[in-house]
Protein backbone atom coordinates (compact mmCIF):
# COMPACT_ATOMS: atom_id res chain seq x y z
CA ASP A 1 73.70 98.29 9.23
CA LEU A 2 71.20 100.92 10.40
CA CYS A 3 74.04 103.44 10.65
CA SER A 4 75.84 102.71 7.38
CA SER A 5 74.56 105.90 5.74
CA TYR A 6 76.17 108.10 8.40
CA PRO A 7 79.69 109.51 7.98
CA GLU A 8 82.64 107.45 9.12
CA GLN A 9 85.38 109.06 11.21
CA THR A 10 88.71 107.67 12.38
CA PHE A 11 90.26 108.60 15.71
CA GLU A 12 93.95 107.94 16.26
CA THR A 13 95.18 106.65 19.62
CA GLY A 14 94.50 109.35 22.22
CA GLY A 15 91.77 110.99 20.14
CA MET A 16 88.74 112.21 22.10
CA LEU A 17 85.34 111.07 20.87
CA LEU A 18 83.48 112.62 23.80
CA VAL A 19 84.64 115.00 26.54
CA GLN A 20 83.28 114.73 30.08
CA GLY A 21 81.23 117.78 31.01
CA GLU A 22 80.53 118.84 27.42
CA LYS A 23 77.24 118.41 25.57
CA SER A 24 77.74 117.38 21.94
CA GLY A 25 74.38 116.00 20.81
CA ARG A 26 76.35 113.34 18.94
CA LEU A 27 76.02 109.60 18.94
CA PHE A 28 78.95 107.39 17.95
CA VAL A 29 78.68 103.78 16.79
CA MET A 30 81.92 101.79 16.79
CA ILE A 31 82.96 100.07 13.58
CA ASP A 32 86.27 98.81 14.94
CA GLY A 33 89.03 99.81 17.32
CA ALA A 34 89.18 100.27 21.08
CA VAL A 35 88.25 103.08 23.44
CA GLY A 36 88.52 103.83 27.13
CA VAL A 37 85.69 105.40 29.06
CA VAL A 38 87.25 107.83 31.53
CA ARG A 39 85.42 109.57 34.37
CA ASP A 40 87.23 112.10 36.54
CA GLY A 41 90.58 110.84 35.24
CA ILE A 42 89.87 107.18 36.05
CA GLU A 43 89.23 104.62 33.33
CA VAL A 44 85.97 102.90 34.21
CA ALA A 45 85.59 100.75 31.10
CA ALA A 46 87.40 99.60 27.99
CA VAL A 47 85.30 98.87 24.91
CA ASP A 48 86.30 97.14 21.68
CA SER A 49 82.96 95.77 20.49
CA PRO A 50 81.77 96.67 16.99
CA GLY A 51 78.31 98.23 17.29
CA ALA A 52 79.02 99.77 20.71
CA VAL A 53 77.26 103.12 21.11
CA PHE A 54 78.67 106.20 22.86
CA GLY A 55 76.87 109.40 23.85
CA GLU A 56 73.51 107.77 24.52
CA LEU A 57 73.29 108.73 28.21
CA SER A 58 73.89 112.38 27.47
CA LEU A 59 71.21 112.34 24.78
CA LEU A 60 68.64 110.43 26.80
CA LEU A 61 69.13 112.55 29.93
CA ASP A 62 69.72 115.82 28.05
CA LYS A 63 72.84 116.41 30.16
CA PRO A 64 76.55 116.86 29.48
CA HIS A 65 78.62 113.71 28.93
CA MET A 66 79.29 112.01 32.26
CA ALA A 67 82.59 110.57 31.00
CA SER A 68 85.14 111.08 28.27
CA VAL A 69 85.64 108.47 25.56
CA VAL A 70 89.25 108.20 24.36
CA ALA A 71 90.61 106.07 21.51
CA GLN A 72 93.06 103.47 22.84
CA ALA A 73 93.92 102.35 19.32
CA PRO A 74 93.00 103.65 15.88
CA THR A 75 89.21 103.58 16.04
CA ARG A 76 86.59 103.92 13.31
CA VAL A 77 83.09 105.08 14.19
CA ARG A 78 79.91 106.25 12.53
CA VAL A 79 79.08 109.79 13.63
CA ILE A 80 75.46 110.80 14.04
CA ASP A 81 75.32 114.55 14.68
CA SER A 82 71.64 114.69 15.67
CA GLY A 83 71.69 111.65 17.92
CA ASP A 84 68.37 112.42 19.61
CA VAL A 85 66.55 112.61 16.26
CA PHE A 86 68.19 109.35 15.17
CA LEU A 87 67.19 107.54 18.37
CA ARG A 88 63.61 108.78 18.15
CA SER A 89 63.30 107.64 14.55
CA THR A 90 64.98 104.24 14.85
CA PRO A 91 63.12 101.92 17.24
CA GLU A 92 65.50 99.02 16.57
CA VAL A 93 68.45 101.09 17.79
CA ILE A 94 66.71 102.56 20.83
CA PHE A 95 65.64 99.02 21.80
CA GLU A 96 69.27 97.84 21.66
CA VAL A 97 70.37 100.90 23.64
CA ALA A 98 67.68 100.08 26.23
CA ARG A 99 68.95 96.47 26.42
CA VAL A 100 72.51 97.68 27.05
CA LEU A 101 71.35 100.13 29.71
CA ALA A 102 69.24 97.41 31.36
CA ALA A 103 72.28 95.08 31.39
CA ARG A 104 74.40 97.81 33.02
CA LEU A 105 71.72 98.42 35.65
CA HIS A 106 71.40 94.68 36.31
CA MET A 107 75.17 94.39 36.77
CA LEU A 108 75.32 97.39 39.10
CA THR A 109 72.35 96.21 41.15
CA SER A 110 73.86 92.71 41.42
CA TYR A 111 77.17 94.20 42.52
CA LEU A 112 75.53 96.38 45.18
CA SER A 113 73.45 93.44 46.39
CA ASP A 114 76.59 91.31 46.64
CA LEU A 115 78.29 94.05 48.66
CA LYS A 116 75.30 94.22 50.97
CA GLN A 117 75.44 90.46 51.57
CA GLN A 118 79.22 90.42 52.11
CA PHE A 119 79.10 93.17 54.71
CA ALA A 120 75.72 92.39 56.31
CA ASP A 121 77.34 91.39 59.60
CA LYS A 122 79.56 94.49 59.79
CA ASP A 123 78.51 97.28 62.11
CA GLU A 124 79.47 100.17 59.85
CA ASP A 125 77.07 102.93 58.93
CA HIS A 126 78.34 103.47 55.40
CA PHE A 127 77.25 99.98 54.35
CA VAL A 128 73.69 100.90 55.30
CA MET A 129 73.82 103.22 52.28
CA VAL A 130 74.07 100.19 49.95
CA ASP A 131 70.58 99.13 51.01
CA ALA A 132 69.27 102.64 50.41
CA ILE A 133 70.92 102.79 46.99
CA ILE A 134 69.47 99.45 45.88
CA ASP A 135 66.02 100.47 47.12
CA CYS A 136 66.22 103.82 45.31
CA MET A 137 67.45 102.26 42.06
CA SER A 138 64.80 99.56 42.04
CA GLN A 139 61.95 102.03 42.54
CA HIS A 140 63.20 104.90 40.36
CA GLN A 141 60.85 105.09 37.38
CA GLN A 142 61.25 108.62 36.02
CA ALA A 143 64.05 110.73 34.64
CA THR A 144 64.19 113.28 37.43
CA ALA A 145 66.94 115.50 38.73
CA THR A 146 69.45 113.62 40.85
CA ARG A 147 72.32 114.85 42.96
CA LEU A 148 75.49 112.83 42.49
CA GLY A 149 78.36 112.53 44.90
CA SER A 150 78.46 112.47 48.64
CA ASP A 151 78.22 114.94 51.47
CA ARG A 152 81.79 114.30 52.57
CA GLU A 153 84.79 116.10 51.19
CA PRO A 154 86.78 114.18 48.55
CA GLY A 155 89.79 112.42 50.06
CA VAL A 156 88.54 112.73 53.64
CA SER A 157 87.77 109.47 55.45
CA PRO A 158 84.40 109.33 57.17
CA SER A 159 84.65 109.69 60.94
CA ARG A 160 83.40 106.98 63.24
């Protein structure tokens, strides 16, 4: 309802709402349809929930989109060109965005904790990283520069 005054746009199947690596400044709110969230060519999520928001991470972090969003079916969205201004001026929306982000963080932290428990008795160095990741995520309080990825070359198995 808070977005009803913004223009509606329809994306046909295969249409790109957001492109990984680009910075659009736009926020999309799904009316209906289905999209895939694709990072580095791999679909990491499928979303078909009315009210779902796309582009929020890019806006909040002031960085390029970390994934592409592709219509998997005809999809109608509200398009907010100045997403940052909209988020700053609409506390109800930013609160809902914060709830979604908190839920994602909770899920990821739970998953990493589960991994740590499952492999606690294994004597493999790379599982030690799970503990470090959980510790870092739980104590990270500011939006600071982070370095993503790993030190190993893609596709190369770590040596023992």
